[in-house]
Amino acid sequence: MTCAAPPELIAVIGPTAAGKSAYAMALAPQVNGEIVSADSRHVYRRMDIGTNKPTPDEQRLVRHHLIDLRDPHERFSLGEYVELARAAIADVRGRGKTPLLVGGTGQYVRAILRGWRVPAVPPHDDLREKWLRYAQERGQAALFAELAARDPDAARTIDPRNIRRVVRALEVMEVSGRRWSELQTSEPPDLRTEVIYINPPRDVLYARADARLARMIEQGWLAETEALLDFLSRQGFDADAALRLPSMSALGYREMAMVAMGRMTLDQAIVAIKRATRRFIRAQDVWFRQEAAHAAHLRMMQS
């Protein structure tokens, strides 16, 4: 079902390699639109090829928001994203244009579409390190069990595979003394919103992802990663510390960094990245199907 009146916000969502960016680029001129990125890796400078970031030419054709906000060693939280995305959407609409929320980071999309109010609790490094060590020593399942025991409602909304998100919830609860689910309220935006869910057949997605990986390697992804490690070294991060940065959890960067450090061959990295990409596509599909089911105005597409 589509909106009877023109939508005030259009969300283009779907798993990696679905074709969201190309679709949004084609749609933007038709609706007098600008793109508001909902990709947690596009916020980082110096990470262009491996994140499939819009090129300078694409950004000149259609204005993009929330790209290149931080260097890879700098913090960037969900709360910051929500604040900046809402401001960008208001700015686009204030100039008489249509904001297109585009991306594959499920939490970013859901936070905007459902109007999450993210707890304004500053980071607590010692507690964060404590829970990260807990996850390392006891495993991801044990970490999530801690969250479920302390806040069952939060455990129903947080992906157990998202270790950083689980750690953040535990951290905030310890700092505030309150449950994460009590702190994270929501107020959906008062906008006519259309969700366009692009989800080609799984075999098509896998083939596109493989082709994109080959293209990114040809474009110089390894050289980009080497330059990134060099930059981080100059900021005081040795190779192992660099690998632990949240930015380096972007799909494939740790594998490419291992190649740059001589710890893995390129062929080994390609196999590992393909395997991780398939897992990621499956996880995104589950997340976005839930979001699509929640949408009042939804258009499903396979290409």
Protein backbone atom coordinates (compact mmCIF):
# COMPACT_ATOMS: atom_id res chain seq x y z
CA MET A 1 0.00 0.00 0.00
CA THR A 2 1.28 3.49 -0.81
CA CYS A 3 0.47 6.86 0.73
CA ALA A 4 -2.69 8.57 -0.60
CA ALA A 5 -1.02 11.97 -0.10
CA PRO A 6 2.64 12.55 -0.99
CA PRO A 7 4.88 11.20 1.78
CA GLU A 8 6.75 13.67 3.98
CA LEU A 9 9.47 11.12 4.67
CA ILE A 10 10.51 8.15 2.51
CA ALA A 11 12.59 5.34 4.00
CA VAL A 12 14.46 3.11 1.53
CA ILE A 13 15.56 0.04 3.47
CA GLY A 14 16.88 -3.45 2.83
CA PRO A 15 19.91 -5.70 3.21
CA THR A 16 23.36 -4.98 1.83
CA ALA A 17 23.69 -5.28 -1.97
CA ALA A 18 19.91 -4.87 -2.40
CA GLY A 19 20.35 -1.74 -4.49
CA LYS A 20 19.04 0.82 -1.99
CA SER A 21 21.48 3.57 -2.92
CA ALA A 22 20.92 3.26 -6.67
CA TYR A 23 17.16 3.25 -6.16
CA ALA A 24 17.31 6.32 -3.91
CA MET A 25 19.56 8.16 -6.37
CA ALA A 26 17.00 7.57 -9.12
CA LEU A 27 14.05 8.45 -6.89
CA ALA A 28 15.47 11.66 -5.42
CA PRO A 29 15.01 13.85 -8.53
CA GLN A 30 11.46 12.55 -8.97
CA VAL A 31 10.38 13.65 -5.47
CA ASN A 32 12.66 16.69 -5.11
CA GLY A 33 14.52 14.74 -2.49
CA GLU A 34 17.75 14.66 -0.53
CA ILE A 35 19.29 11.58 1.05
CA VAL A 36 19.75 11.21 4.80
CA SER A 37 22.14 8.32 5.35
CA ALA A 38 21.13 5.57 7.78
CA ASP A 39 24.42 3.72 7.46
CA SER A 40 26.54 3.54 10.61
CA ARG A 41 29.77 3.22 8.61
CA HIS A 42 29.23 6.16 6.28
CA VAL A 43 29.79 8.49 9.23
CA TYR A 44 33.52 7.69 9.15
CA ARG A 45 36.01 9.53 7.01
CA ARG A 46 38.82 7.57 5.27
CA MET A 47 36.56 4.53 4.87
CA ASP A 48 35.07 4.99 1.41
CA ILE A 49 35.67 1.95 -0.78
CA GLY A 50 34.93 -0.74 1.79
CA THR A 51 31.72 0.93 2.98
CA ASN A 52 30.47 1.52 -0.58
CA LYS A 53 30.05 5.18 0.33
CA PRO A 54 28.37 7.46 -2.24
CA THR A 55 31.03 8.87 -4.56
CA PRO A 56 31.75 12.60 -4.81
CA ASP A 57 29.96 12.61 -8.18
CA GLU A 58 26.87 10.99 -6.64
CA GLN A 59 26.92 13.48 -3.79
CA ARG A 60 27.06 16.33 -6.29
CA LEU A 61 24.05 14.93 -8.17
CA VAL A 62 21.96 14.42 -5.02
CA ARG A 63 22.72 16.08 -1.71
CA HIS A 64 23.57 13.60 1.05
CA HIS A 65 23.48 14.15 4.81
CA LEU A 66 25.31 12.43 7.70
CA ILE A 67 28.35 11.30 5.73
CA ASP A 68 31.99 11.82 6.84
CA LEU A 69 31.19 13.10 10.33
CA ARG A 70 34.01 11.50 12.33
CA ASP A 71 37.50 10.09 11.96
CA PRO A 72 37.65 6.32 12.51
CA HIS A 73 39.05 6.57 16.05
CA GLU A 74 36.38 9.01 17.26
CA ARG A 75 33.22 8.06 19.14
CA PHE A 76 29.85 8.21 17.47
CA SER A 77 26.77 7.04 19.35
CA LEU A 78 23.24 6.10 18.39
CA GLY A 79 22.04 9.10 20.37
CA GLU A 80 24.21 11.43 18.29
CA TYR A 81 22.91 9.86 15.11
CA VAL A 82 19.28 10.29 16.14
CA GLU A 83 19.80 13.95 17.01
CA LEU A 84 21.63 14.71 13.75
CA ALA A 85 19.23 12.69 11.58
CA ARG A 86 16.18 14.44 12.99
CA ALA A 87 17.84 17.79 12.41
CA ALA A 88 18.72 16.82 8.84
CA ILE A 89 15.16 15.64 8.11
CA ALA A 90 13.76 18.88 9.51
CA ASP A 91 16.25 20.90 7.44
CA VAL A 92 15.36 19.10 4.20
CA ARG A 93 11.64 19.51 4.81
CA GLY A 94 12.12 23.14 5.83
CA ARG A 95 13.52 23.83 2.36
CA GLY A 96 10.47 22.29 0.71
CA LYS A 97 12.16 19.02 -0.23
CA THR A 98 11.53 15.36 0.61
CA PRO A 99 13.96 13.56 2.94
CA LEU A 100 14.91 10.02 1.89
CA LEU A 101 16.16 7.95 4.81
CA VAL A 102 18.42 5.39 3.13
CA GLY A 103 20.46 2.61 4.62
CA GLY A 104 21.00 -0.80 6.01
CA THR A 105 21.76 -0.10 9.68
CA GLY A 106 18.63 -1.46 11.29
CA GLN A 107 18.92 0.41 14.57
CA TYR A 108 19.39 3.74 12.83
CA VAL A 109 16.31 3.15 10.68
CA ARG A 110 14.19 1.94 13.58
CA ALA A 111 15.32 4.76 15.87
CA ILE A 112 14.08 7.34 13.36
CA LEU A 113 10.92 5.61 12.16
CA ARG A 114 9.77 4.68 15.67
CA GLY A 115 10.97 7.88 17.32
CA TRP A 116 13.35 6.40 19.87
CA ARG A 117 14.42 8.67 22.70
CA VAL A 118 17.95 7.44 23.37
CA PRO A 119 19.22 7.75 26.98
CA ALA A 120 21.56 10.73 27.32
CA VAL A 121 24.11 8.93 29.50
CA PRO A 122 27.77 9.79 28.79
CA PRO A 123 30.11 6.88 27.99
CA HIS A 124 31.76 5.20 30.96
CA ASP A 125 35.01 3.71 29.69
CA ASP A 126 35.77 1.50 32.70
CA LEU A 127 32.34 -0.14 32.67
CA ARG A 128 32.47 -0.55 28.91
CA GLU A 129 35.83 -2.29 29.14
CA LYS A 130 34.50 -4.48 31.95
CA TRP A 131 31.63 -5.78 29.83
CA LEU A 132 33.75 -6.14 26.71
CA ARG A 133 36.19 -8.29 28.71
CA TYR A 134 33.23 -10.28 30.02
CA ALA A 135 32.12 -10.97 26.45
CA GLN A 136 35.66 -11.96 25.44
CA GLU A 137 36.15 -14.29 28.39
CA ARG A 138 32.68 -15.86 28.66
CA GLY A 139 31.21 -15.40 25.21
CA GLN A 140 28.47 -13.50 23.47
CA ALA A 141 25.68 -15.72 24.82
CA ALA A 142 26.75 -15.16 28.44
CA LEU A 143 26.86 -11.39 27.87
CA PHE A 144 23.35 -11.39 26.47
CA ALA A 145 22.15 -13.58 29.36
CA GLU A 146 23.31 -10.82 31.74
CA LEU A 147 21.20 -8.30 29.84
CA ALA A 148 18.17 -10.62 29.79
CA ALA A 149 18.45 -11.19 33.54
CA ARG A 150 18.71 -7.48 34.32
CA ASP A 151 16.18 -6.18 31.78
CA PRO A 152 14.04 -8.76 29.94
CA ASP A 153 12.21 -6.03 28.00
CA ALA A 154 15.50 -4.66 26.63
CA ALA A 155 16.58 -8.18 25.67
CA ARG A 156 13.51 -8.45 23.44
CA THR A 157 14.52 -5.37 21.44
CA ILE A 158 18.31 -5.68 21.20
CA ASP A 159 19.99 -8.02 18.73
CA PRO A 160 22.09 -10.47 20.81
CA ARG A 161 24.74 -10.47 18.06
CA ASN A 162 25.27 -6.73 18.46
CA ILE A 163 27.82 -6.90 21.26
CA ARG A 164 28.43 -3.15 21.36
CA ARG A 165 24.70 -2.49 21.77
CA VAL A 166 24.38 -5.08 24.55
CA VAL A 167 27.43 -3.65 26.30
CA ARG A 168 26.05 -0.12 26.02
CA ALA A 169 22.75 -1.17 27.60
CA LEU A 170 24.54 -2.84 30.52
CA GLU A 171 26.82 0.17 30.89
CA VAL A 172 23.91 2.65 30.95
CA MET A 173 22.00 0.57 33.51
CA GLU A 174 24.99 0.48 35.85
CA VAL A 175 25.59 4.23 35.53
CA SER A 176 21.95 5.28 35.87
CA GLY A 177 20.65 2.60 38.21
CA ARG A 178 17.62 2.19 35.93
CA ARG A 179 16.59 -0.36 33.32
CA TRP A 180 17.52 0.39 29.71
CA SER A 181 13.91 -0.24 28.65
CA GLU A 182 12.71 2.42 31.12
CA LEU A 183 15.11 4.99 29.74
CA GLN A 184 14.53 4.33 26.05
CA THR A 185 11.08 5.65 25.28
CA SER A 186 9.67 6.41 21.85
CA GLU A 187 7.54 9.03 20.12
CA PRO A 188 6.99 8.25 16.42
CA PRO A 189 7.49 11.25 14.11
CA ASP A 190 4.32 13.04 13.08
CA LEU A 191 5.09 12.64 9.38
CA ARG A 192 3.40 10.77 6.53
CA THR A 193 6.05 8.12 6.03
CA GLU A 194 6.39 5.59 3.26
CA VAL A 195 8.73 2.63 3.67
CA ILE A 196 10.17 1.10 0.51
CA TYR A 197 11.63 -2.30 1.33
CA ILE A 198 13.99 -3.60 -1.36
CA ASN A 199 14.75 -7.27 -0.92
CA PRO A 200 15.80 -9.31 -3.98
CA PRO A 201 15.93 -13.12 -3.75
CA ARG A 202 18.71 -14.38 -1.51
CA ASP A 203 20.78 -15.89 -4.35
CA VAL A 204 20.64 -12.56 -6.20
CA LEU A 205 21.83 -10.71 -3.09
CA TYR A 206 24.71 -13.12 -2.61
CA ALA A 207 25.80 -12.78 -6.25
CA ARG A 208 25.62 -8.98 -6.10
CA ALA A 209 27.59 -8.94 -2.85
CA ASP A 210 30.30 -11.14 -4.37
CA ALA A 211 30.52 -8.91 -7.45
CA ARG A 212 30.70 -5.80 -5.28
CA LEU A 213 33.48 -7.32 -3.19
CA ALA A 214 35.51 -8.04 -6.33
CA ARG A 215 34.92 -4.49 -7.55
CA MET A 216 35.96 -2.95 -4.22
CA ILE A 217 39.20 -4.93 -4.23
CA GLU A 218 39.90 -3.77 -7.80
CA GLN A 219 39.23 -0.19 -6.71
CA GLY A 220 41.95 -0.41 -4.06
CA TRP A 221 40.28 -1.47 -0.83
CA LEU A 222 43.51 -2.99 0.47
CA ALA A 223 45.45 0.23 -0.17
CA GLU A 224 42.67 2.20 1.54
CA THR A 225 42.92 -0.08 4.57
CA GLU A 226 46.71 0.29 4.67
CA ALA A 227 46.32 4.07 4.63
CA LEU A 228 43.69 3.80 7.35
CA LEU A 229 46.00 1.76 9.60
CA ASP A 230 48.78 4.27 8.98
CA PHE A 231 46.47 7.14 9.97
CA LEU A 232 45.38 5.32 13.13
CA SER A 233 49.00 4.58 14.01
CA ARG A 234 49.72 8.31 13.88
CA GLN A 235 46.80 8.81 16.29
CA GLY A 236 48.45 6.41 18.75
CA PHE A 237 46.63 3.17 17.86
CA ASP A 238 48.83 0.17 17.16
CA ALA A 239 47.52 -2.58 14.88
CA ASP A 240 45.76 -4.55 17.63
CA ALA A 241 44.21 -1.43 19.16
CA ALA A 242 43.03 -0.34 15.72
CA LEU A 243 41.29 -3.68 15.18
CA ARG A 244 39.29 -3.13 18.37
CA LEU A 245 37.84 0.22 17.27
CA PRO A 246 34.07 0.21 16.58
CA SER A 247 34.68 1.65 13.12
CA MET A 248 36.78 -1.37 12.20
CA SER A 249 33.83 -3.68 12.76
CA ALA A 250 32.56 -2.46 9.39
CA LEU A 251 32.06 -5.48 7.18
CA GLY A 252 35.39 -6.70 5.81
CA TYR A 253 37.74 -4.09 7.28
CA ARG A 254 39.23 -6.32 9.94
CA GLU A 255 39.92 -9.01 7.35
CA MET A 256 41.53 -6.49 5.01
CA ALA A 257 43.56 -5.13 7.92
CA MET A 258 44.76 -8.66 8.67
CA VAL A 259 45.94 -8.90 5.06
CA ALA A 260 47.73 -5.56 5.38
CA MET A 261 49.43 -6.81 8.55
CA GLY A 262 50.49 -10.08 6.94
CA ARG A 263 48.29 -12.19 9.20
CA MET A 264 45.98 -13.42 6.42
CA THR A 265 46.22 -13.85 2.67
CA LEU A 266 43.94 -11.91 0.36
CA ASP A 267 42.28 -15.15 -0.77
CA GLN A 268 41.60 -16.10 2.86
CA ALA A 269 40.15 -12.65 3.50
CA ILE A 270 37.83 -12.90 0.50
CA VAL A 271 36.45 -16.23 1.73
CA ALA A 272 35.95 -14.83 5.24
CA ILE A 273 34.29 -11.63 3.98
CA LYS A 274 31.91 -13.56 1.74
CA ARG A 275 30.91 -15.77 4.66
CA ALA A 276 30.42 -12.77 6.98
CA THR A 277 28.43 -10.92 4.31
CA ARG A 278 26.00 -13.80 3.94
CA ARG A 279 25.45 -13.89 7.71
CA PHE A 280 24.95 -10.14 7.69
CA ILE A 281 22.40 -10.29 4.87
CA ARG A 282 20.39 -12.92 6.75
CA ALA A 283 20.44 -10.85 9.95
CA GLN A 284 19.42 -7.69 8.11
CA ASP A 285 16.56 -9.53 6.42
CA VAL A 286 15.12 -10.53 9.80
CA TRP A 287 15.49 -6.98 11.15
CA PHE A 288 13.98 -5.22 8.15
CA ARG A 289 11.09 -7.65 7.80
CA GLN A 290 10.11 -6.66 11.34
CA GLU A 291 10.38 -2.98 10.42
CA ALA A 292 8.38 -3.48 7.22
CA ALA A 293 5.63 -5.22 9.19
CA HIS A 294 5.46 -2.19 11.47
CA ALA A 295 5.10 0.31 8.60
CA ALA A 296 1.75 1.98 7.94
CA HIS A 297 2.59 2.63 4.28
CA LEU A 298 4.81 -0.01 2.70
CA ARG A 299 6.03 -0.77 -0.79
CA MET A 300 7.86 -4.10 -1.27
CA MET A 301 10.31 -4.42 -4.16
CA GLN A 302 12.65 -7.16 -5.36
CA SER A 303 15.05 -5.07 -7.42
